[in-house]
Amino acid sequence: GVDKPGCRYMFGGCVQDDDCCPHLGCKRKGLYCAWDAS
């Protein structure tokens, strides 16, 4: 994820990893942000 205004927190809706806040990635099966292993 990225640090930008409006970034999605845990379980926020997303289409891609860049929609999520830092340390979060988009889980495409559920279209929500969750912890990214990286």
C-alpha atoms as a PDB file:
ATOM      1  CA  GLY A   1       0.000   0.000   0.000  1.00  0.00           C
ATOM      2  CA  VAL A   2       0.908   3.668  -0.164  1.00  0.00           C
ATOM      3  CA  ASP A   3       0.814   6.633   2.185  1.00  0.00           C
ATOM      4  CA  LYS A   4      -1.628   9.005   0.514  1.00  0.00           C
ATOM      5  CA  PRO A   5      -4.819  10.877   1.414  1.00  0.00           C
ATOM      6  CA  GLY A   6      -7.816   8.584   1.291  1.00  0.00           C
ATOM      7  CA  CYS A   7      -5.834   5.359   1.478  1.00  0.00           C
ATOM      8  CA  ARG A   8      -7.865   2.407   2.706  1.00  0.00           C
ATOM      9  CA  TYR A   9      -7.280   0.887   6.122  1.00  0.00           C
ATOM     10  CA  MET A  10      -7.717  -2.736   7.160  1.00  0.00           C
ATOM     11  CA  PHE A  11     -10.754  -4.311   5.483  1.00  0.00           C
ATOM     12  CA  GLY A  12     -11.337  -1.182   3.409  1.00  0.00           C
ATOM     13  CA  GLY A  13     -12.493  -1.668  -0.156  1.00  0.00           C
ATOM     14  CA  CYS A  14      -9.835  -1.835  -2.865  1.00  0.00           C
ATOM     15  CA  VAL A  15      -9.069  -2.777  -6.431  1.00  0.00           C
ATOM     16  CA  GLN A  16      -5.265  -2.737  -6.232  1.00  0.00           C
ATOM     17  CA  ASP A  17      -2.522  -2.626  -3.598  1.00  0.00           C
ATOM     18  CA  ASP A  18      -2.050   1.118  -4.121  1.00  0.00           C
ATOM     19  CA  ASP A  19      -5.589   1.723  -2.821  1.00  0.00           C
ATOM     20  CA  CYS A  20      -4.450   0.526   0.607  1.00  0.00           C
ATOM     21  CA  CYS A  21      -2.441   2.291   3.304  1.00  0.00           C
ATOM     22  CA  PRO A  22       1.202   1.368   4.036  1.00  0.00           C
ATOM     23  CA  HIS A  23       1.830  -2.248   5.114  1.00  0.00           C
ATOM     24  CA  LEU A  24      -1.524  -3.279   3.641  1.00  0.00           C
ATOM     25  CA  GLY A  25      -2.184  -5.024   0.353  1.00  0.00           C
ATOM     26  CA  CYS A  26      -5.368  -5.623  -1.633  1.00  0.00           C
ATOM     27  CA  LYS A  27      -6.730  -9.149  -1.284  1.00  0.00           C
ATOM     28  CA  ARG A  28      -8.258  -9.452  -4.725  1.00  0.00           C
ATOM     29  CA  LYS A  29     -10.491 -12.400  -3.870  1.00  0.00           C
ATOM     30  CA  GLY A  30     -12.374 -10.306  -1.329  1.00  0.00           C
ATOM     31  CA  LEU A  31     -11.495  -6.841  -2.617  1.00  0.00           C
ATOM     32  CA  TYR A  32     -10.415  -5.615   0.805  1.00  0.00           C
ATOM     33  CA  CYS A  33      -7.152  -4.439   2.333  1.00  0.00           C
ATOM     34  CA  ALA A  34      -5.279  -6.737   4.711  1.00  0.00           C
ATOM     35  CA  TRP A  35      -1.751  -7.031   6.107  1.00  0.00           C
ATOM     36  CA  ASP A  36       0.886  -7.401   3.437  1.00  0.00           C
ATOM     37  CA  ALA A  37       3.687  -9.832   4.282  1.00  0.00           C
ATOM     38  CA  SER A  38       6.310  -7.450   2.873  1.00  0.00           C
END
